[in-house]
Amino acid sequence: MIGRLGRRTAHLVHDVITVVLQSDRIRWLVDVTDLTADQTGLRVLGGAYRRLLRGGRQMILLGASPQLRHALRRLRLAEHVLDPTDDSRA
């Protein structure tokens, strides 16, 4: 993902999750190195995690900025969606 994740781009993530759920892939690795997310974007990531989890899938975010890591920790999502071995931007 590149750019800003927010109200105007949330539908794109929803569309991708729909496709992922139709595939036979169990794990979805997402490079978020160049991603910024506002409050809406964080809710989108949380919703994507929940949808994938209900579908028996897993989402791993790679390259998260310190700000994104902090926000995901506050939401208690970090341990579920961040790769613990990815300390490239910790």
C-alpha atoms as a PDB file:
ATOM      1  CA  MET A   1       0.000   0.000   0.000  1.00  0.00           C
ATOM      2  CA  ILE A   2       1.266   3.440  -0.892  1.00  0.00           C
ATOM      3  CA  GLY A   3      -0.084   6.820   0.061  1.00  0.00           C
ATOM      4  CA  ARG A   4      -2.774   7.835   2.475  1.00  0.00           C
ATOM      5  CA  LEU A   5      -5.376   5.425   3.785  1.00  0.00           C
ATOM      6  CA  GLY A   6      -8.490   7.286   4.791  1.00  0.00           C
ATOM      7  CA  ARG A   7     -12.106   7.934   3.942  1.00  0.00           C
ATOM      8  CA  ARG A   8     -11.471   8.376   0.221  1.00  0.00           C
ATOM      9  CA  THR A   9      -9.424   5.185  -0.181  1.00  0.00           C
ATOM     10  CA  ALA A  10     -11.151   2.839   2.287  1.00  0.00           C
ATOM     11  CA  HIS A  11     -13.253   1.228  -0.442  1.00  0.00           C
ATOM     12  CA  LEU A  12     -10.084   0.052  -2.211  1.00  0.00           C
ATOM     13  CA  VAL A  13      -9.021  -1.975   0.825  1.00  0.00           C
ATOM     14  CA  HIS A  14     -12.513  -3.419   1.109  1.00  0.00           C
ATOM     15  CA  ASP A  15     -12.364  -4.505  -2.537  1.00  0.00           C
ATOM     16  CA  VAL A  16      -8.969  -6.148  -2.088  1.00  0.00           C
ATOM     17  CA  ILE A  17     -10.116  -8.023   1.030  1.00  0.00           C
ATOM     18  CA  THR A  18     -13.071  -9.377  -0.942  1.00  0.00           C
ATOM     19  CA  VAL A  19     -10.678 -10.739  -3.569  1.00  0.00           C
ATOM     20  CA  VAL A  20      -8.310 -12.171  -0.942  1.00  0.00           C
ATOM     21  CA  LEU A  21     -11.198 -13.973   0.737  1.00  0.00           C
ATOM     22  CA  GLN A  22     -12.086 -15.594  -2.596  1.00  0.00           C
ATOM     23  CA  SER A  23      -8.540 -16.856  -3.122  1.00  0.00           C
ATOM     24  CA  ASP A  24      -6.952 -19.844  -1.474  1.00  0.00           C
ATOM     25  CA  ARG A  25      -4.191 -17.775   0.105  1.00  0.00           C
ATOM     26  CA  ILE A  26      -4.127 -17.997   3.889  1.00  0.00           C
ATOM     27  CA  ARG A  27      -1.604 -15.251   4.575  1.00  0.00           C
ATOM     28  CA  TRP A  28      -1.709 -11.754   3.099  1.00  0.00           C
ATOM     29  CA  LEU A  29       1.613  -9.861   3.388  1.00  0.00           C
ATOM     30  CA  VAL A  30       1.170  -6.118   2.945  1.00  0.00           C
ATOM     31  CA  ASP A  31       4.055  -3.680   2.497  1.00  0.00           C
ATOM     32  CA  VAL A  32       2.988  -0.511   4.306  1.00  0.00           C
ATOM     33  CA  THR A  33       6.385   1.207   4.159  1.00  0.00           C
ATOM     34  CA  ASP A  34       4.945   4.212   2.302  1.00  0.00           C
ATOM     35  CA  LEU A  35       1.525   4.219   3.951  1.00  0.00           C
ATOM     36  CA  THR A  36       0.038   6.873   6.184  1.00  0.00           C
ATOM     37  CA  ALA A  37      -3.290   6.302   7.883  1.00  0.00           C
ATOM     38  CA  ASP A  38      -5.662   8.673   9.613  1.00  0.00           C
ATOM     39  CA  GLN A  39      -8.305   7.525  12.122  1.00  0.00           C
ATOM     40  CA  THR A  40     -10.503   6.237   9.323  1.00  0.00           C
ATOM     41  CA  GLY A  41      -7.552   4.387   7.825  1.00  0.00           C
ATOM     42  CA  LEU A  42      -6.822   2.728  11.167  1.00  0.00           C
ATOM     43  CA  ARG A  43     -10.445   1.616  11.386  1.00  0.00           C
ATOM     44  CA  VAL A  44     -10.143   0.235   7.852  1.00  0.00           C
ATOM     45  CA  LEU A  45      -7.072  -1.796   8.857  1.00  0.00           C
ATOM     46  CA  GLY A  46      -8.908  -3.094  11.925  1.00  0.00           C
ATOM     47  CA  GLY A  47     -11.931  -4.015   9.831  1.00  0.00           C
ATOM     48  CA  ALA A  48      -9.715  -5.728   7.250  1.00  0.00           C
ATOM     49  CA  TYR A  49      -8.064  -7.751  10.007  1.00  0.00           C
ATOM     50  CA  ARG A  50     -11.450  -8.841  11.379  1.00  0.00           C
ATOM     51  CA  ARG A  51     -12.853  -9.766   7.953  1.00  0.00           C
ATOM     52  CA  LEU A  52      -9.779 -11.800   7.103  1.00  0.00           C
ATOM     53  CA  LEU A  53      -9.781 -13.489  10.509  1.00  0.00           C
ATOM     54  CA  ARG A  54     -13.433 -14.504  10.111  1.00  0.00           C
ATOM     55  CA  GLY A  55     -12.510 -15.923   6.704  1.00  0.00           C
ATOM     56  CA  GLY A  56      -9.654 -17.972   8.158  1.00  0.00           C
ATOM     57  CA  ARG A  57      -6.990 -15.648   6.736  1.00  0.00           C
ATOM     58  CA  GLN A  58      -4.155 -13.633   8.229  1.00  0.00           C
ATOM     59  CA  MET A  59      -2.878 -10.153   7.384  1.00  0.00           C
ATOM     60  CA  ILE A  60       0.729  -9.205   8.160  1.00  0.00           C
ATOM     61  CA  LEU A  61       1.854  -5.590   7.759  1.00  0.00           C
ATOM     62  CA  LEU A  62       5.499  -5.127   6.795  1.00  0.00           C
ATOM     63  CA  GLY A  63       7.560  -1.942   7.068  1.00  0.00           C
ATOM     64  CA  ALA A  64       5.145  -0.045   9.305  1.00  0.00           C
ATOM     65  CA  SER A  65       6.345   3.390  10.359  1.00  0.00           C
ATOM     66  CA  PRO A  66       6.867   4.085  14.056  1.00  0.00           C
ATOM     67  CA  GLN A  67       3.675   6.191  14.030  1.00  0.00           C
ATOM     68  CA  LEU A  68       1.620   3.382  12.513  1.00  0.00           C
ATOM     69  CA  ARG A  69       3.140   0.848  14.929  1.00  0.00           C
ATOM     70  CA  HIS A  70       2.246   3.088  17.851  1.00  0.00           C
ATOM     71  CA  ALA A  71      -1.329   3.566  16.640  1.00  0.00           C
ATOM     72  CA  LEU A  72      -1.766  -0.185  16.120  1.00  0.00           C
ATOM     73  CA  ARG A  73      -0.405  -0.840  19.622  1.00  0.00           C
ATOM     74  CA  ARG A  74      -2.940   1.610  21.084  1.00  0.00           C
ATOM     75  CA  LEU A  75      -5.709  -0.257  19.265  1.00  0.00           C
ATOM     76  CA  ARG A  76      -4.278  -3.596  20.468  1.00  0.00           C
ATOM     77  CA  LEU A  77      -3.864  -4.738  16.876  1.00  0.00           C
ATOM     78  CA  ALA A  78      -0.057  -4.664  16.710  1.00  0.00           C
ATOM     79  CA  GLU A  79       0.464  -8.173  18.046  1.00  0.00           C
ATOM     80  CA  HIS A  80      -2.036  -9.488  15.501  1.00  0.00           C
ATOM     81  CA  VAL A  81      -0.998  -7.682  12.315  1.00  0.00           C
ATOM     82  CA  LEU A  82       2.653  -6.664  12.662  1.00  0.00           C
ATOM     83  CA  ASP A  83       5.429  -9.097  11.769  1.00  0.00           C
ATOM     84  CA  PRO A  84       7.492  -9.477  14.978  1.00  0.00           C
ATOM     85  CA  THR A  85      10.631 -10.101  12.911  1.00  0.00           C
ATOM     86  CA  ASP A  86      10.193  -6.895  10.900  1.00  0.00           C
ATOM     87  CA  ASP A  87      12.133  -4.292  12.840  1.00  0.00           C
ATOM     88  CA  SER A  88      13.168  -2.329   9.755  1.00  0.00           C
ATOM     89  CA  ARG A  89      11.462   0.860  10.967  1.00  0.00           C
ATOM     90  CA  ALA A  90      10.838   0.113  14.642  1.00  0.00           C
END
